[in-house]
Amino acid sequence: MPNYLLENQTTERLHFRKILTSDFDAWLPFYLDPKSTQFWDGLPSDPVKACTDQFERIFERYEEGSGGMNALILKETGQLVGICGLLVQTVDEIEELEIGYSVLPKFWQQGFAIEAAQKCRTFAFDNNFAPSLISIIHVDNIPSQKVAKKNGMHLDKTTNYKDNPVHIFRVNQG
């Protein structure tokens, strides 16, 4: 299985690296802001539990080789601004490669999600990982849908994923 992690990749402002257990406290504010998860049903209501569950899944993916989130480190300051990566997902019984992204609330609306998502798209296609890539986005999450569109994606279909109504945005290679 290919290594989908973007370790040591960079963009103009960001450095990609594996997420470390020591990133937990820096990422916890994502779950402390209710707006971060307002669109997704089924997450633990306790922010520490939600963050713990996400970190456990990230490290499981690393071990399985099923892709994973990368820490997005601001080159200028060394701060964690978000997470982004290529994830093997099964949607409607079809295995796909997803570009997933989340940014800490204090860094919203500064272009970090699109910068990271575009790097993931380029990296995946340059390495011929898949003929197309998706992003799974809740139907009400307009900001995330805007990122997908700026990443060259189009609305492919609407379905249900993990008991949430979602749009599947897609971009084809080439």
N, C-alpha and C. Protein backbone atom coordinates (compact mmCIF):
# COMPACT_ATOMS: atom_id res chain seq x y z
N MET A 1 0.85 -1.19 0.00
CA MET A 1 0.00 0.00 0.00
C MET A 1 0.89 1.24 0.00
N PRO A 2 0.53 2.25 -0.78
CA PRO A 2 1.35 3.46 -0.83
C PRO A 2 1.38 4.20 0.51
N ASN A 3 2.40 5.00 0.69
CA ASN A 3 2.47 5.86 1.88
C ASN A 3 1.79 7.17 1.54
N TYR A 4 0.58 7.34 2.06
CA TYR A 4 -0.22 8.52 1.74
C TYR A 4 0.14 9.74 2.57
N LEU A 5 1.03 9.60 3.54
CA LEU A 5 1.37 10.73 4.41
C LEU A 5 2.24 11.73 3.65
N LEU A 6 2.05 12.99 3.95
CA LEU A 6 2.79 14.07 3.29
C LEU A 6 3.95 14.54 4.17
N GLU A 7 4.58 13.62 4.88
CA GLU A 7 5.68 14.00 5.77
C GLU A 7 6.73 14.81 5.02
N ASN A 8 7.13 15.92 5.63
CA ASN A 8 8.18 16.79 5.12
C ASN A 8 7.81 17.52 3.83
N GLN A 9 6.54 17.50 3.46
CA GLN A 9 6.07 18.32 2.34
C GLN A 9 5.85 19.73 2.86
N THR A 10 5.90 20.70 1.96
CA THR A 10 5.70 22.08 2.38
C THR A 10 4.84 22.81 1.35
N THR A 11 4.26 23.90 1.80
CA THR A 11 3.60 24.88 0.94
C THR A 11 4.27 26.21 1.26
N GLU A 12 3.73 27.27 0.73
CA GLU A 12 4.31 28.58 0.99
C GLU A 12 4.42 28.89 2.49
N ARG A 13 3.36 28.55 3.24
CA ARG A 13 3.33 28.90 4.67
C ARG A 13 3.38 27.72 5.61
N LEU A 14 3.20 26.49 5.09
CA LEU A 14 3.00 25.33 5.95
C LEU A 14 4.04 24.25 5.74
N HIS A 15 4.32 23.55 6.84
CA HIS A 15 5.15 22.35 6.81
C HIS A 15 4.26 21.20 7.28
N PHE A 16 4.28 20.08 6.55
CA PHE A 16 3.51 18.89 6.91
C PHE A 16 4.40 17.92 7.68
N ARG A 17 3.87 17.37 8.75
CA ARG A 17 4.57 16.31 9.47
C ARG A 17 3.53 15.40 10.12
N LYS A 18 3.99 14.23 10.57
CA LYS A 18 3.10 13.34 11.30
C LYS A 18 2.60 14.03 12.56
N ILE A 19 1.40 13.68 12.96
CA ILE A 19 0.85 14.17 14.22
C ILE A 19 1.51 13.38 15.34
N LEU A 20 1.85 14.08 16.40
CA LEU A 20 2.49 13.48 17.58
C LEU A 20 1.53 13.53 18.76
N THR A 21 1.70 12.62 19.71
CA THR A 21 0.85 12.68 20.90
C THR A 21 0.98 14.03 21.59
N SER A 22 2.14 14.65 21.48
CA SER A 22 2.36 15.96 22.11
C SER A 22 1.57 17.09 21.44
N ASP A 23 0.93 16.81 20.29
CA ASP A 23 0.09 17.82 19.62
C ASP A 23 -1.31 17.90 20.24
N PHE A 24 -1.63 16.98 21.15
CA PHE A 24 -2.99 16.90 21.68
C PHE A 24 -3.47 18.23 22.25
N ASP A 25 -2.68 18.83 23.13
CA ASP A 25 -3.11 20.08 23.79
C ASP A 25 -3.27 21.22 22.79
N ALA A 26 -2.46 21.23 21.76
CA ALA A 26 -2.57 22.28 20.74
C ALA A 26 -3.81 22.07 19.86
N TRP A 27 -4.25 20.80 19.69
CA TRP A 27 -5.41 20.50 18.85
C TRP A 27 -6.73 20.56 19.62
N LEU A 28 -6.68 20.38 20.94
CA LEU A 28 -7.90 20.37 21.77
C LEU A 28 -8.79 21.60 21.55
N PRO A 29 -8.26 22.81 21.35
CA PRO A 29 -9.15 23.96 21.12
C PRO A 29 -10.11 23.77 19.93
N PHE A 30 -9.76 22.90 18.99
CA PHE A 30 -10.68 22.60 17.89
C PHE A 30 -11.99 22.07 18.46
N TYR A 31 -11.91 21.16 19.41
CA TYR A 31 -13.10 20.55 19.99
C TYR A 31 -13.74 21.42 21.08
N LEU A 32 -13.00 22.37 21.61
CA LEU A 32 -13.56 23.27 22.63
C LEU A 32 -14.46 24.33 22.00
N ASP A 33 -14.30 24.59 20.70
CA ASP A 33 -15.15 25.55 19.99
C ASP A 33 -16.31 24.79 19.35
N PRO A 34 -17.54 25.03 19.82
CA PRO A 34 -18.68 24.27 19.28
C PRO A 34 -18.88 24.45 17.77
N LYS A 35 -18.42 25.55 17.22
CA LYS A 35 -18.58 25.77 15.78
C LYS A 35 -17.77 24.79 14.95
N SER A 36 -16.69 24.27 15.52
CA SER A 36 -15.83 23.34 14.79
C SER A 36 -16.56 22.05 14.41
N THR A 37 -17.43 21.61 15.28
CA THR A 37 -18.07 20.32 15.07
C THR A 37 -19.60 20.45 14.96
N GLN A 38 -20.09 21.66 14.75
CA GLN A 38 -21.54 21.89 14.76
C GLN A 38 -22.30 21.10 13.70
N PHE A 39 -21.63 20.71 12.63
CA PHE A 39 -22.33 20.03 11.54
C PHE A 39 -22.31 18.51 11.67
N TRP A 40 -21.46 17.98 12.54
CA TRP A 40 -21.26 16.53 12.56
C TRP A 40 -21.92 15.88 13.75
N ASP A 41 -22.91 15.02 13.50
CA ASP A 41 -23.58 14.29 14.57
C ASP A 41 -22.80 13.03 14.92
N GLY A 42 -22.88 12.65 16.17
CA GLY A 42 -22.30 11.38 16.59
C GLY A 42 -20.95 11.51 17.28
N LEU A 43 -20.45 12.73 17.43
CA LEU A 43 -19.19 12.91 18.15
C LEU A 43 -19.45 12.97 19.64
N PRO A 44 -18.50 12.54 20.45
CA PRO A 44 -18.67 12.68 21.91
C PRO A 44 -18.88 14.15 22.29
N SER A 45 -19.74 14.39 23.25
CA SER A 45 -20.00 15.78 23.68
C SER A 45 -18.85 16.34 24.50
N ASP A 46 -18.08 15.46 25.12
CA ASP A 46 -16.92 15.90 25.90
C ASP A 46 -15.76 16.18 24.94
N PRO A 47 -15.28 17.43 24.89
CA PRO A 47 -14.20 17.77 23.95
C PRO A 47 -12.93 16.93 24.12
N VAL A 48 -12.57 16.60 25.36
CA VAL A 48 -11.37 15.79 25.58
C VAL A 48 -11.57 14.39 25.01
N LYS A 49 -12.75 13.83 25.20
CA LYS A 49 -13.05 12.50 24.66
C LYS A 49 -13.05 12.54 23.12
N ALA A 50 -13.64 13.57 22.54
CA ALA A 50 -13.68 13.69 21.07
C ALA A 50 -12.27 13.80 20.50
N CYS A 51 -11.43 14.59 21.14
CA CYS A 51 -10.05 14.76 20.69
C CYS A 51 -9.26 13.45 20.86
N THR A 52 -9.47 12.79 21.99
CA THR A 52 -8.81 11.51 22.24
C THR A 52 -9.20 10.49 21.18
N ASP A 53 -10.49 10.40 20.87
CA ASP A 53 -10.95 9.47 19.84
C ASP A 53 -10.31 9.77 18.49
N GLN A 54 -10.23 11.06 18.14
CA GLN A 54 -9.63 11.41 16.86
C GLN A 54 -8.15 11.02 16.83
N PHE A 55 -7.43 11.30 17.88
CA PHE A 55 -6.00 10.95 17.92
C PHE A 55 -5.81 9.44 17.83
N GLU A 56 -6.67 8.66 18.53
CA GLU A 56 -6.56 7.21 18.45
C GLU A 56 -6.75 6.74 17.01
N ARG A 57 -7.71 7.31 16.30
CA ARG A 57 -7.96 6.93 14.90
C ARG A 57 -6.80 7.34 14.00
N ILE A 58 -6.24 8.52 14.24
CA ILE A 58 -5.09 8.97 13.45
C ILE A 58 -3.95 7.97 13.58
N PHE A 59 -3.63 7.56 14.81
CA PHE A 59 -2.51 6.64 15.03
C PHE A 59 -2.84 5.24 14.50
N GLU A 60 -4.12 4.83 14.56
CA GLU A 60 -4.53 3.57 13.95
C GLU A 60 -4.26 3.60 12.44
N ARG A 61 -4.64 4.69 11.80
CA ARG A 61 -4.43 4.83 10.35
C ARG A 61 -2.93 4.76 10.02
N TYR A 62 -2.11 5.40 10.82
CA TYR A 62 -0.67 5.34 10.59
C TYR A 62 -0.20 3.88 10.58
N GLU A 63 -0.68 3.12 11.57
CA GLU A 63 -0.26 1.72 11.68
C GLU A 63 -0.82 0.85 10.55
N GLU A 64 -2.07 1.10 10.16
CA GLU A 64 -2.72 0.33 9.10
C GLU A 64 -2.19 0.69 7.71
N GLY A 65 -1.63 1.90 7.59
CA GLY A 65 -1.23 2.38 6.27
C GLY A 65 -2.41 2.85 5.45
N SER A 66 -3.50 3.25 6.13
CA SER A 66 -4.70 3.70 5.41
C SER A 66 -4.77 5.21 5.32
N GLY A 67 -3.60 5.81 5.13
CA GLY A 67 -3.55 7.26 5.03
C GLY A 67 -3.55 7.88 6.41
N GLY A 68 -3.69 9.17 6.44
CA GLY A 68 -3.75 9.81 7.74
C GLY A 68 -3.59 11.30 7.67
N MET A 69 -4.00 11.91 8.74
CA MET A 69 -3.88 13.34 8.87
C MET A 69 -2.42 13.71 9.18
N ASN A 70 -2.02 14.83 8.63
CA ASN A 70 -0.71 15.42 8.90
C ASN A 70 -0.93 16.67 9.73
N ALA A 71 0.00 16.95 10.63
CA ALA A 71 -0.02 18.22 11.34
C ALA A 71 0.40 19.30 10.35
N LEU A 72 -0.32 20.42 10.36
CA LEU A 72 0.02 21.57 9.54
C LEU A 72 0.70 22.59 10.45
N ILE A 73 1.99 22.77 10.23
CA ILE A 73 2.79 23.63 11.10
C ILE A 73 3.09 24.92 10.36
N LEU A 74 2.78 26.04 10.99
CA LEU A 74 3.06 27.34 10.40
C LEU A 74 4.57 27.56 10.42
N LYS A 75 5.17 27.65 9.23
CA LYS A 75 6.63 27.78 9.14
C LYS A 75 7.15 28.96 9.95
N GLU A 76 6.43 30.06 9.89
CA GLU A 76 6.88 31.31 10.52
C GLU A 76 7.01 31.21 12.04
N THR A 77 6.09 30.45 12.68
CA THR A 77 6.04 30.43 14.14
C THR A 77 6.21 29.04 14.75
N GLY A 78 6.06 27.98 13.95
CA GLY A 78 6.10 26.63 14.49
C GLY A 78 4.80 26.18 15.13
N GLN A 79 3.75 27.00 15.02
CA GLN A 79 2.46 26.67 15.63
C GLN A 79 1.69 25.65 14.79
N LEU A 80 0.93 24.80 15.47
CA LEU A 80 -0.02 23.91 14.81
C LEU A 80 -1.22 24.75 14.39
N VAL A 81 -1.54 24.76 13.08
CA VAL A 81 -2.70 25.53 12.62
C VAL A 81 -3.87 24.63 12.23
N GLY A 82 -3.56 23.35 11.93
CA GLY A 82 -4.63 22.45 11.53
C GLY A 82 -4.08 21.08 11.22
N ILE A 83 -4.96 20.25 10.66
CA ILE A 83 -4.58 18.91 10.22
C ILE A 83 -5.18 18.68 8.85
N CYS A 84 -4.49 17.93 8.03
CA CYS A 84 -4.96 17.68 6.68
C CYS A 84 -4.27 16.43 6.17
N GLY A 85 -4.96 15.67 5.34
CA GLY A 85 -4.30 14.50 4.79
C GLY A 85 -5.16 13.71 3.83
N LEU A 86 -4.56 12.65 3.35
CA LEU A 86 -5.20 11.71 2.44
C LEU A 86 -5.64 10.49 3.23
N LEU A 87 -6.92 10.18 3.16
CA LEU A 87 -7.51 9.13 3.97
C LEU A 87 -8.23 8.11 3.10
N VAL A 88 -7.95 6.84 3.30
CA VAL A 88 -8.70 5.79 2.62
C VAL A 88 -10.05 5.68 3.33
N GLN A 89 -11.13 5.91 2.58
CA GLN A 89 -12.48 5.88 3.13
C GLN A 89 -13.34 4.95 2.30
N THR A 90 -14.36 4.40 2.91
CA THR A 90 -15.35 3.62 2.18
C THR A 90 -16.68 4.37 2.23
N VAL A 91 -17.13 4.79 1.06
CA VAL A 91 -18.38 5.55 0.93
C VAL A 91 -19.28 4.77 -0.02
N ASP A 92 -20.48 4.47 0.43
CA ASP A 92 -21.42 3.68 -0.38
C ASP A 92 -20.76 2.41 -0.91
N GLU A 93 -20.01 1.76 -0.05
CA GLU A 93 -19.34 0.48 -0.33
C GLU A 93 -18.25 0.59 -1.40
N ILE A 94 -17.78 1.80 -1.67
CA ILE A 94 -16.70 2.02 -2.63
C ILE A 94 -15.51 2.62 -1.89
N GLU A 95 -14.33 2.00 -2.04
CA GLU A 95 -13.13 2.55 -1.40
C GLU A 95 -12.62 3.72 -2.22
N GLU A 96 -12.41 4.83 -1.56
CA GLU A 96 -11.99 6.08 -2.20
C GLU A 96 -10.85 6.69 -1.40
N LEU A 97 -10.14 7.62 -2.01
CA LEU A 97 -9.12 8.38 -1.31
C LEU A 97 -9.66 9.79 -1.09
N GLU A 98 -9.74 10.16 0.18
CA GLU A 98 -10.32 11.45 0.56
C GLU A 98 -9.23 12.44 0.95
N ILE A 99 -9.46 13.70 0.60
CA ILE A 99 -8.69 14.81 1.17
C ILE A 99 -9.52 15.32 2.35
N GLY A 100 -8.98 15.14 3.55
CA GLY A 100 -9.65 15.62 4.75
C GLY A 100 -8.88 16.81 5.31
N TYR A 101 -9.59 17.77 5.88
CA TYR A 101 -8.92 18.95 6.43
C TYR A 101 -9.75 19.57 7.55
N SER A 102 -9.04 20.05 8.54
CA SER A 102 -9.64 20.80 9.65
C SER A 102 -8.61 21.82 10.11
N VAL A 103 -9.08 23.00 10.47
CA VAL A 103 -8.19 24.07 10.90
C VAL A 103 -8.68 24.58 12.26
N LEU A 104 -7.73 24.90 13.12
CA LEU A 104 -8.09 25.46 14.43
C LEU A 104 -8.85 26.78 14.24
N PRO A 105 -9.88 27.01 15.05
CA PRO A 105 -10.72 28.20 14.87
C PRO A 105 -9.95 29.52 14.78
N LYS A 106 -8.87 29.67 15.54
CA LYS A 106 -8.16 30.96 15.51
C LYS A 106 -7.43 31.19 14.18
N PHE A 107 -7.36 30.15 13.34
CA PHE A 107 -6.71 30.28 12.04
C PHE A 107 -7.71 30.19 10.87
N TRP A 108 -9.02 30.22 11.19
CA TRP A 108 -10.03 30.18 10.13
C TRP A 108 -9.94 31.42 9.25
N GLN A 109 -10.39 31.27 8.02
CA GLN A 109 -10.52 32.36 7.05
C GLN A 109 -9.18 33.01 6.72
N GLN A 110 -8.10 32.22 6.78
CA GLN A 110 -6.78 32.73 6.40
C GLN A 110 -6.18 31.92 5.24
N GLY A 111 -6.98 31.02 4.65
CA GLY A 111 -6.54 30.27 3.48
C GLY A 111 -5.72 29.03 3.77
N PHE A 112 -5.60 28.64 5.04
CA PHE A 112 -4.77 27.47 5.36
C PHE A 112 -5.40 26.16 4.87
N ALA A 113 -6.72 26.02 4.98
CA ALA A 113 -7.37 24.78 4.56
C ALA A 113 -7.18 24.57 3.05
N ILE A 114 -7.39 25.61 2.26
CA ILE A 114 -7.24 25.44 0.82
C ILE A 114 -5.78 25.22 0.44
N GLU A 115 -4.87 25.90 1.10
CA GLU A 115 -3.43 25.71 0.82
C GLU A 115 -3.02 24.26 1.08
N ALA A 116 -3.49 23.71 2.18
CA ALA A 116 -3.15 22.32 2.54
C ALA A 116 -3.87 21.33 1.63
N ALA A 117 -5.16 21.58 1.36
CA ALA A 117 -5.93 20.66 0.52
C ALA A 117 -5.37 20.61 -0.90
N GLN A 118 -4.95 21.75 -1.43
CA GLN A 118 -4.36 21.78 -2.77
C GLN A 118 -3.05 20.99 -2.81
N LYS A 119 -2.27 21.08 -1.74
CA LYS A 119 -1.03 20.31 -1.68
C LYS A 119 -1.33 18.81 -1.66
N CYS A 120 -2.36 18.41 -0.91
CA CYS A 120 -2.76 17.00 -0.88
C CYS A 120 -3.18 16.52 -2.26
N ARG A 121 -3.96 17.33 -2.96
CA ARG A 121 -4.41 16.97 -4.31
C ARG A 121 -3.21 16.77 -5.23
N THR A 122 -2.31 17.74 -5.25
CA THR A 122 -1.13 17.67 -6.11
C THR A 122 -0.27 16.45 -5.77
N PHE A 123 -0.04 16.24 -4.48
CA PHE A 123 0.78 15.11 -4.01
C PHE A 123 0.16 13.78 -4.45
N ALA A 124 -1.15 13.64 -4.27
CA ALA A 124 -1.84 12.38 -4.62
C ALA A 124 -1.76 12.12 -6.13
N PHE A 125 -2.00 13.14 -6.93
CA PHE A 125 -1.98 12.94 -8.38
C PHE A 125 -0.56 12.78 -8.91
N ASP A 126 0.39 13.52 -8.35
CA ASP A 126 1.79 13.36 -8.77
C ASP A 126 2.30 11.94 -8.52
N ASN A 127 1.77 11.31 -7.47
CA ASN A 127 2.17 9.95 -7.12
C ASN A 127 1.22 8.88 -7.67
N ASN A 128 0.24 9.30 -8.48
CA ASN A 128 -0.73 8.39 -9.08
C ASN A 128 -1.40 7.47 -8.06
N PHE A 129 -1.80 8.05 -6.92
CA PHE A 129 -2.45 7.26 -5.88
C PHE A 129 -3.86 6.82 -6.28
N ALA A 130 -4.57 7.65 -7.06
CA ALA A 130 -5.96 7.36 -7.43
C ALA A 130 -6.33 8.20 -8.65
N PRO A 131 -7.28 7.70 -9.45
CA PRO A 131 -7.72 8.48 -10.62
C PRO A 131 -8.58 9.69 -10.25
N SER A 132 -9.15 9.65 -9.04
CA SER A 132 -9.91 10.79 -8.55
C SER A 132 -9.82 10.82 -7.02
N LEU A 133 -10.10 11.98 -6.47
CA LEU A 133 -10.08 12.19 -5.02
C LEU A 133 -11.41 12.78 -4.60
N ILE A 134 -11.81 12.50 -3.37
CA ILE A 134 -13.06 13.05 -2.85
C ILE A 134 -12.80 13.86 -1.58
N SER A 135 -13.77 14.65 -1.21
CA SER A 135 -13.88 15.21 0.13
C SER A 135 -15.31 14.97 0.59
N ILE A 136 -15.43 14.45 1.80
CA ILE A 136 -16.73 14.12 2.40
C ILE A 136 -17.11 15.29 3.30
N ILE A 137 -18.19 15.99 2.93
CA ILE A 137 -18.51 17.23 3.64
C ILE A 137 -20.00 17.26 3.99
N HIS A 138 -20.30 17.55 5.23
CA HIS A 138 -21.69 17.64 5.67
C HIS A 138 -22.43 18.64 4.78
N VAL A 139 -23.69 18.32 4.47
CA VAL A 139 -24.46 19.16 3.56
C VAL A 139 -24.62 20.61 4.06
N ASP A 140 -24.52 20.83 5.36
CA ASP A 140 -24.67 22.18 5.91
C ASP A 140 -23.35 22.92 6.10
N ASN A 141 -22.23 22.25 5.86
CA ASN A 141 -20.92 22.86 6.10
C ASN A 141 -20.45 23.63 4.86
N ILE A 142 -20.98 24.83 4.72
CA ILE A 142 -20.70 25.67 3.55
C ILE A 142 -19.22 26.08 3.49
N PRO A 143 -18.59 26.49 4.60
CA PRO A 143 -17.18 26.86 4.51
C PRO A 143 -16.29 25.74 3.95
N SER A 144 -16.53 24.51 4.39
CA SER A 144 -15.74 23.39 3.90
C SER A 144 -16.04 23.09 2.43
N GLN A 145 -17.28 23.28 2.03
CA GLN A 145 -17.65 23.09 0.62
C GLN A 145 -16.92 24.11 -0.26
N LYS A 146 -16.77 25.33 0.24
CA LYS A 146 -16.05 26.37 -0.52
C LYS A 146 -14.59 25.97 -0.73
N VAL A 147 -13.99 25.37 0.30
CA VAL A 147 -12.61 24.90 0.18
C VAL A 147 -12.53 23.83 -0.91
N ALA A 148 -13.46 22.89 -0.90
CA ALA A 148 -13.47 21.82 -1.90
C ALA A 148 -13.57 22.40 -3.32
N LYS A 149 -14.45 23.37 -3.50
CA LYS A 149 -14.61 23.99 -4.82
C LYS A 149 -13.34 24.70 -5.25
N LYS A 150 -12.69 25.40 -4.31
CA LYS A 150 -11.43 26.08 -4.64
C LYS A 150 -10.32 25.07 -4.94
N ASN A 151 -10.52 23.84 -4.49
CA ASN A 151 -9.55 22.77 -4.75
C ASN A 151 -9.87 22.05 -6.07
N GLY A 152 -10.72 22.65 -6.88
CA GLY A 152 -11.05 22.09 -8.18
C GLY A 152 -12.08 20.99 -8.15
N MET A 153 -12.75 20.82 -7.02
CA MET A 153 -13.72 19.74 -6.88
C MET A 153 -15.11 20.19 -7.29
N HIS A 154 -15.91 19.21 -7.70
CA HIS A 154 -17.31 19.46 -8.02
C HIS A 154 -18.18 18.53 -7.18
N LEU A 155 -19.42 18.93 -6.98
CA LEU A 155 -20.36 18.08 -6.24
C LEU A 155 -20.66 16.85 -7.09
N ASP A 156 -20.30 15.69 -6.58
CA ASP A 156 -20.48 14.43 -7.31
C ASP A 156 -21.80 13.78 -6.93
N LYS A 157 -22.10 13.74 -5.63
CA LYS A 157 -23.35 13.12 -5.16
C LYS A 157 -23.61 13.51 -3.72
N THR A 158 -24.82 13.23 -3.29
CA THR A 158 -25.20 13.42 -1.89
C THR A 158 -25.59 12.04 -1.36
N THR A 159 -25.10 11.72 -0.17
CA THR A 159 -25.35 10.40 0.39
C THR A 159 -25.35 10.50 1.92
N ASN A 160 -25.32 9.37 2.57
CA ASN A 160 -25.25 9.31 4.03
C ASN A 160 -23.90 8.68 4.39
N TYR A 161 -23.20 9.27 5.33
CA TYR A 161 -21.90 8.75 5.76
C TYR A 161 -21.81 8.88 7.27
N LYS A 162 -21.62 7.77 7.95
CA LYS A 162 -21.55 7.74 9.42
C LYS A 162 -22.74 8.48 10.03
N ASP A 163 -23.92 8.17 9.52
CA ASP A 163 -25.19 8.74 10.00
C ASP A 163 -25.29 10.25 9.85
N ASN A 164 -24.59 10.79 8.87
CA ASN A 164 -24.67 12.22 8.57
C ASN A 164 -24.96 12.40 7.09
N PRO A 165 -25.83 13.38 6.74
CA PRO A 165 -26.06 13.68 5.33
C PRO A 165 -24.83 14.44 4.79
N VAL A 166 -24.24 13.92 3.72
CA VAL A 166 -23.01 14.53 3.21
C VAL A 166 -23.06 14.72 1.70
N HIS A 167 -22.29 15.70 1.26
CA HIS A 167 -21.99 15.86 -0.15
C HIS A 167 -20.64 15.22 -0.38
N ILE A 168 -20.51 14.53 -1.50
CA ILE A 168 -19.23 14.00 -1.92
C ILE A 168 -18.73 14.90 -3.05
N PHE A 169 -17.66 15.62 -2.76
CA PHE A 169 -17.03 16.45 -3.77
C PHE A 169 -15.90 15.64 -4.39
N ARG A 170 -15.68 15.80 -5.70
CA ARG A 170 -14.69 14.99 -6.41
C ARG A 170 -13.89 15.84 -7.37
N VAL A 171 -12.62 15.45 -7.51
CA VAL A 171 -11.76 16.01 -8.55
C VAL A 171 -11.08 14.83 -9.24
N ASN A 172 -11.05 14.87 -10.56
CA ASN A 172 -10.41 13.81 -11.35
C ASN A 172 -9.00 14.21 -11.72
N GLN A 173 -8.15 13.23 -11.83
CA GLN A 173 -6.76 13.48 -12.23
C GLN A 173 -6.74 13.94 -13.69
N GLY A 174 -5.81 14.89 -13.95
CA GLY A 174 -5.65 15.35 -15.33
C GLY A 174 -6.55 16.43 -15.65
